[in-house]
Structure formats: C-alpha cells, structure tokens
Protein backbone atom coordinates (compact mmCIF):
# COMPACT_ATOMS: atom_id res chain seq x y z
CA MET A 1 58.16 15.68 136.73
CA TYR A 2 56.42 15.38 133.38
CA GLN A 3 59.53 14.15 131.62
CA THR A 4 58.59 11.50 129.04
CA ASN A 5 61.67 11.23 126.85
CA ARG A 6 65.20 11.37 128.24
CA LYS A 7 66.89 13.20 125.39
CA TYR A 8 70.23 15.00 125.66
CA ILE A 9 69.63 18.53 124.40
CA THR A 10 71.89 20.23 121.88
CA GLN A 11 71.73 23.70 120.37
CA GLU A 12 70.40 22.65 116.94
CA MET A 13 67.30 20.91 118.31
CA LYS A 14 63.89 22.53 117.89
CA MET A 15 62.43 23.98 121.07
CA SER A 16 58.91 22.82 120.20
CA ASP A 17 60.10 19.20 119.97
CA LEU A 18 61.79 19.46 123.36
CA ILE A 19 58.65 20.85 124.99
CA PHE A 20 56.52 18.05 123.56
CA ASP A 21 59.04 15.53 124.91
CA ASN A 22 59.16 17.15 128.35
CA PRO A 23 56.63 19.88 129.27
CA SER A 24 58.74 20.81 132.31
CA ILE A 25 60.96 22.65 129.84
CA LEU A 26 58.22 25.33 129.88
CA LEU A 27 59.07 26.00 133.50
CA LEU A 28 62.76 26.28 132.64
CA MET A 29 61.86 28.81 129.93
CA GLU A 30 59.75 30.78 132.38
CA HIS A 31 62.67 30.95 134.80
CA PHE A 32 64.71 32.53 132.00
CA GLY A 33 61.87 34.92 131.11
CA LEU A 34 61.34 33.40 127.66
CA ASP A 35 58.14 33.47 125.60
CA PHE A 36 56.46 30.11 125.01
CA ILE A 37 55.73 30.89 121.35
CA VAL A 38 58.78 29.25 119.83
CA HIS A 39 57.67 28.72 116.18
CA GLU A 40 60.33 26.58 114.46
CA LYS A 41 63.27 28.05 116.34
CA THR A 42 66.17 25.95 117.49
CA VAL A 43 67.53 26.20 121.01
CA LEU A 44 70.40 28.38 119.79
CA GLN A 45 68.11 30.70 117.83
CA LEU A 46 65.79 31.18 120.79
CA CYS A 47 68.70 31.95 123.11
CA GLU A 48 70.33 34.37 120.67
CA GLN A 49 67.04 36.17 120.08
CA ASN A 50 66.59 36.66 123.84
CA LYS A 51 70.25 37.32 124.64
CA ILE A 52 70.46 34.28 126.89
CA ASN A 53 73.72 32.35 127.03
CA ALA A 54 72.94 29.14 125.12
CA LYS A 55 75.54 27.18 127.08
CA VAL A 56 73.82 28.02 130.38
CA PHE A 57 70.34 27.35 129.01
CA ILE A 58 71.31 23.97 127.52
CA SER A 59 73.10 22.89 130.70
CA PHE A 60 70.04 23.63 132.80
CA ALA A 61 67.67 22.13 130.23
CA ASN A 62 69.54 18.85 130.37
CA MET A 63 69.08 18.82 134.14
CA TYR A 64 65.33 19.04 133.52
CA ASN A 65 65.74 16.06 131.18
CA GLY A 66 67.34 14.00 133.94
CA PHE A 67 71.04 14.45 133.19
CA ASN A 68 73.68 15.46 135.73
CA ALA A 69 74.67 19.09 136.17
CA ALA A 70 77.53 20.38 134.07
CA GLU A 71 80.90 20.83 135.76
CA VAL A 72 81.64 24.29 137.13
CA GLU A 73 84.70 24.34 134.83
CA ASP A 74 82.26 24.56 131.90
CA PHE A 75 81.11 28.00 133.10
CA SER A 76 82.79 31.39 133.48
CA LYS A 77 82.07 34.66 135.30
CA THR A 78 80.21 35.93 132.20
CA ASP A 79 77.54 33.28 132.88
CA ILE A 80 76.74 34.54 136.38
CA THR A 81 74.19 37.12 135.21
CA ASP A 82 72.07 34.51 133.42
CA ILE A 83 72.35 32.11 136.35
CA ILE A 84 71.08 34.77 138.76
CA LEU A 85 68.25 35.66 136.35
CA TYR A 86 67.14 32.02 136.39
CA LEU A 87 67.34 31.78 140.19
CA ARG A 88 65.47 35.05 140.80
CA ASN A 89 62.62 34.03 138.52
CA SER A 90 62.44 30.61 140.13
CA HIS A 91 61.99 32.39 143.47
CA ASN A 92 58.93 34.14 142.05
CA TYR A 93 57.53 30.79 140.96
CA TYR A 94 57.97 29.27 144.41
CA GLU A 95 56.72 32.22 146.44
CA ASP A 96 53.95 33.59 144.22
CA GLU A 97 52.60 30.42 142.63
CA LYS A 98 53.63 27.04 143.97
CA TYR A 99 53.57 27.59 147.71
CA PRO A 100 50.21 29.43 147.69
CA GLU A 101 48.79 26.66 145.49
CA ILE A 102 49.78 23.94 147.97
CA ARG A 103 48.68 26.10 150.89
CA ASN A 104 45.21 26.49 149.37
CA TYR A 105 44.92 22.76 148.76
CA ILE A 106 45.81 22.02 152.40
CA GLN A 107 43.30 24.55 153.69
CA GLU A 108 40.61 23.06 151.47
CA LEU A 109 41.50 19.62 152.79
CA TYR A 110 41.16 20.87 156.35
CA LEU A 111 37.73 22.35 155.63
CA LYS A 112 36.54 18.98 154.39
CA ASN A 113 38.34 16.94 157.07
CA ASN A 114 38.34 18.86 160.30
CA SER A 115 40.86 16.62 162.03
CA ALA A 116 43.87 17.10 164.26
CA GLU A 117 46.13 15.42 161.66
CA ILE A 118 45.19 17.84 158.88
CA LYS A 119 45.55 20.79 161.23
CA LEU A 120 49.05 19.54 162.06
CA ILE A 121 49.92 19.43 158.35
CA ASP A 122 48.52 22.95 157.96
CA LYS A 123 50.73 24.21 160.81
CA PHE A 124 53.76 22.28 159.53
CA PHE A 125 53.41 23.80 156.07
CA ASP A 126 52.93 27.35 157.39
CA GLU A 127 56.13 27.08 159.42
CA TYR A 128 57.96 25.59 156.47
CA PHE A 129 56.72 28.35 154.15
CA GLU A 130 58.03 31.03 156.54
CA GLU A 131 61.43 29.33 156.51
CA VAL A 132 61.43 29.26 152.71
CA LYS A 133 60.43 32.93 152.43
CA GLU A 134 63.29 33.88 154.74
CA HIS A 135 65.70 31.85 152.60
CA LEU A 136 64.52 33.43 149.34
CA SER A 137 64.49 36.93 150.82
CA TYR A 138 68.08 36.52 152.03
CA GLU A 139 69.22 35.57 148.54
CA ASN A 140 67.25 38.36 146.82
CA ARG A 141 68.26 41.13 149.26
CA ILE A 142 71.80 40.22 150.22
CA ALA A 143 73.45 37.47 148.20
CA PHE A 144 72.40 38.28 144.62
CA PRO A 145 73.09 42.05 144.84
CA TYR A 146 76.52 41.26 146.24
CA PHE A 147 77.21 38.78 143.43
CA ASN A 148 76.17 41.36 140.81
CA GLU A 149 78.33 44.08 142.33
CA LEU A 150 81.26 41.72 142.57
CA LEU A 151 80.75 40.77 138.94
CA HIS A 152 80.79 44.40 137.86
CA ASN A 153 83.65 45.22 140.21
CA GLU A 154 81.61 47.81 142.10
CA ASP A 155 83.16 47.27 145.53
CA SER A 156 83.76 50.78 146.86
CA GLU A 157 87.51 50.55 146.98
CA LYS A 158 87.75 54.24 146.09
CA ASN A 159 86.35 54.95 149.57
CA GLY A 160 89.02 52.83 151.16
CA LYS A 161 86.70 50.02 152.17
CA GLN A 162 84.58 47.28 150.69
CA LYS A 163 80.89 47.92 150.24
CA HIS A 164 79.86 44.63 151.87
CA ASP A 165 81.09 42.75 154.89
CA PHE A 166 79.97 39.63 153.08
CA SER A 167 81.42 36.79 151.05
CA VAL A 168 80.31 33.66 149.24
CA LYS A 169 81.39 31.72 152.35
CA ASP A 170 78.63 33.50 154.31
CA TYR A 171 76.16 32.60 151.59
CA SER A 172 77.27 28.98 151.53
CA GLU A 173 76.95 28.67 155.32
CA HIS A 174 73.49 30.25 155.24
CA HIS A 175 72.37 28.01 152.38
CA THR A 176 69.82 25.60 153.82
CA ASP A 177 68.13 22.49 152.53
CA ILE A 178 64.60 23.80 151.86
CA GLU A 179 63.40 20.76 149.95
CA SER A 180 63.89 17.95 152.47
CA LYS A 181 60.81 18.84 154.53
CA LEU A 182 58.68 18.28 151.44
CA THR A 183 59.53 14.60 151.78
CA ASP A 184 58.12 14.65 155.31
CA LEU A 185 54.87 16.12 154.00
CA LYS A 186 54.58 13.50 151.29
CA GLU A 187 55.25 10.78 153.85
CA LEU A 188 52.44 12.06 156.06
CA LEU A 189 49.95 12.25 153.21
CA LEU A 190 50.86 8.89 151.72
CA LYS A 191 51.30 6.81 154.84
CA HIS A 192 49.75 8.28 157.94
CA VAL A 193 47.00 10.90 157.61
CA PRO A 194 43.50 9.51 157.00
CA VAL A 195 41.33 11.52 154.61
CA GLN A 196 37.70 10.77 153.92
CA ASN A 197 36.45 10.82 150.30
CA ASP A 198 39.06 13.30 149.14
CA ARG A 199 41.40 11.27 146.97
CA MET A 200 41.33 13.91 144.23
CA LEU A 201 42.39 16.70 146.57
CA ARG A 202 45.07 14.58 148.23
CA ARG A 203 46.41 13.64 144.79
CA LYS A 204 46.58 17.35 143.82
CA ILE A 205 48.60 18.14 146.94
CA ILE A 206 51.01 15.26 146.45
CA VAL A 207 51.55 15.98 142.76
CA SER A 208 52.13 19.66 143.56
CA LEU A 209 54.68 18.70 146.20
CA PHE A 210 56.52 16.48 143.70
CA GLU A 211 56.54 19.32 141.14
CA LEU A 212 57.91 21.77 143.68
CA GLU A 213 60.53 19.33 144.96
CA TYR A 214 61.65 18.53 141.40
CA ASP A 215 62.34 22.20 140.61
CA LEU A 216 63.83 22.97 144.03
CA ASN A 217 66.34 20.13 143.65
CA ILE A 218 67.59 21.59 140.36
CA HIS A 219 67.64 25.05 141.91
CA SER A 220 69.80 23.86 144.81
CA ILE A 221 72.21 21.93 142.58
CA ILE A 222 72.75 25.02 140.43
CA GLU A 223 73.49 27.16 143.49
CA GLU A 224 75.75 24.68 145.25
CA THR A 225 77.73 23.16 142.38
CA ILE A 226 77.86 26.04 139.89
CA LEU A 227 77.08 29.48 141.36
CA ILE A 228 78.92 29.21 144.68
CA PRO A 229 82.18 27.92 143.09
CA LEU A 230 81.97 30.60 140.36
CA ILE A 231 81.56 33.39 142.91
CA GLY A 232 84.38 31.90 144.99
CA ASN A 233 86.68 31.99 141.97
CA LEU A 234 85.63 35.57 141.23
CA GLU A 235 86.39 36.67 144.80
CA LYS A 236 89.85 35.14 144.58
CA SER A 237 90.58 36.87 141.27
CA LEU A 238 89.72 40.27 142.80
C-alpha cells in the first residue's frame, strides 16, 4: 500500500534502498522472519545469511512492488518450505495484529456513534473474522502439516496405508476468498454509513482495511498460483 517506486527487484540491490522505496517490504521481511537491521546488505546477502531461498524472496518482493507473480515453473519442491514459512507468519500478522487492530477501531467508532449502522458493521466484521480464523486454522492444522510431510516423504507407507486421507485437491476446494468481504466493508464506510465528527477514526479503519486487503491478495495469489500447483506436482511424483 505504501509503494512509492515501482522498481523490479534483483539480487544485487541493497535491501535498505528497497525499503525506502517501498516500506511494505518490511512486512514481507517479517513474513520471512527476517531482522529489519539490514546494514549495507544486498538482497542475496540477506537471504544467504538467513538461509532463505533468494529466488522465492525476490519473487514475492516483486509482487509487493506491483509486478505479477512468477510462473509456477520458476519454482521447485525445494521452495515449498520457504513458501509455507511465509504463509504461516502472514497468518500470525492477520490474526494477532491486523484483525484485532481493525476490530478495536470499529468498537471505538461504535462507542462514539451509537447507531444501528455501526452496530451492523461491528456484527459483520465479527462474523467475517470468525470465517477468517477458521480458514487460517484449517491451513495451519491440516494443510501445511500435510504439505511438509509430503515434502519429506513421511507418508506411513511402511504401515500399509497413507497417513492422511487428504490431498491438495481438498485444500484447493476448501480455499475460500477471504478478502472480498473487505471490499464490502470499505463500501459501507465510504458510501453509506454516516459518522459524526470522526473522520480520523474512519480514515484509520479504511487505511487498515486497504493494508490488510493488499497483503491478503498477495497471500492468496501465492497459494493459488504457486503452492497448490507445486503440491499437485509433488503428489503426482510420489
């Protein structure tokens, strides 16, 4: 959301320059578990130091800079571990930080504008948040462990049966669009719900919704166009 300079990222570029150009890169780094103190390191140096696949990091970083996702053919099964690391950490950001932040803003808005419209938004967001938590929990508890076991070939074939009655097809069918309802919320706040003398609070909610939607869109693209095809290929090979 804070992107100011649409620059295609390559491995020899300095991380500090990229962050100054687009502060959203900090969020990308956080999803990979990277320290923000980058000194004069290049992208490649930072990735090598932290044992992160530079190809994966650069592909995702360019998505944050507004470029299309890389083709699944550019990735291999060895990249799955880093992709899952990114996705797991992004779940923590959504569930522990961004959703509570928006929830608190909405509750504050309701306290200052005790109206039926704000109460409706409050209820809408609570229901939406429950749906999101179910989605993230499903991935953390069922899908990602299965992907990791598949990657390390830990299906219990020695016991004469597979460990999971599960496949990437199940995951793909369960995969829901958790970002579209954010558009409905923005529509309500921008076009329909009257708020008295609370422009600052409304602006905070809307900006937070845009930030969340921005990251969720990238998250979904990575799952649908990269991770799911990679896991499908891995299942076929086994």
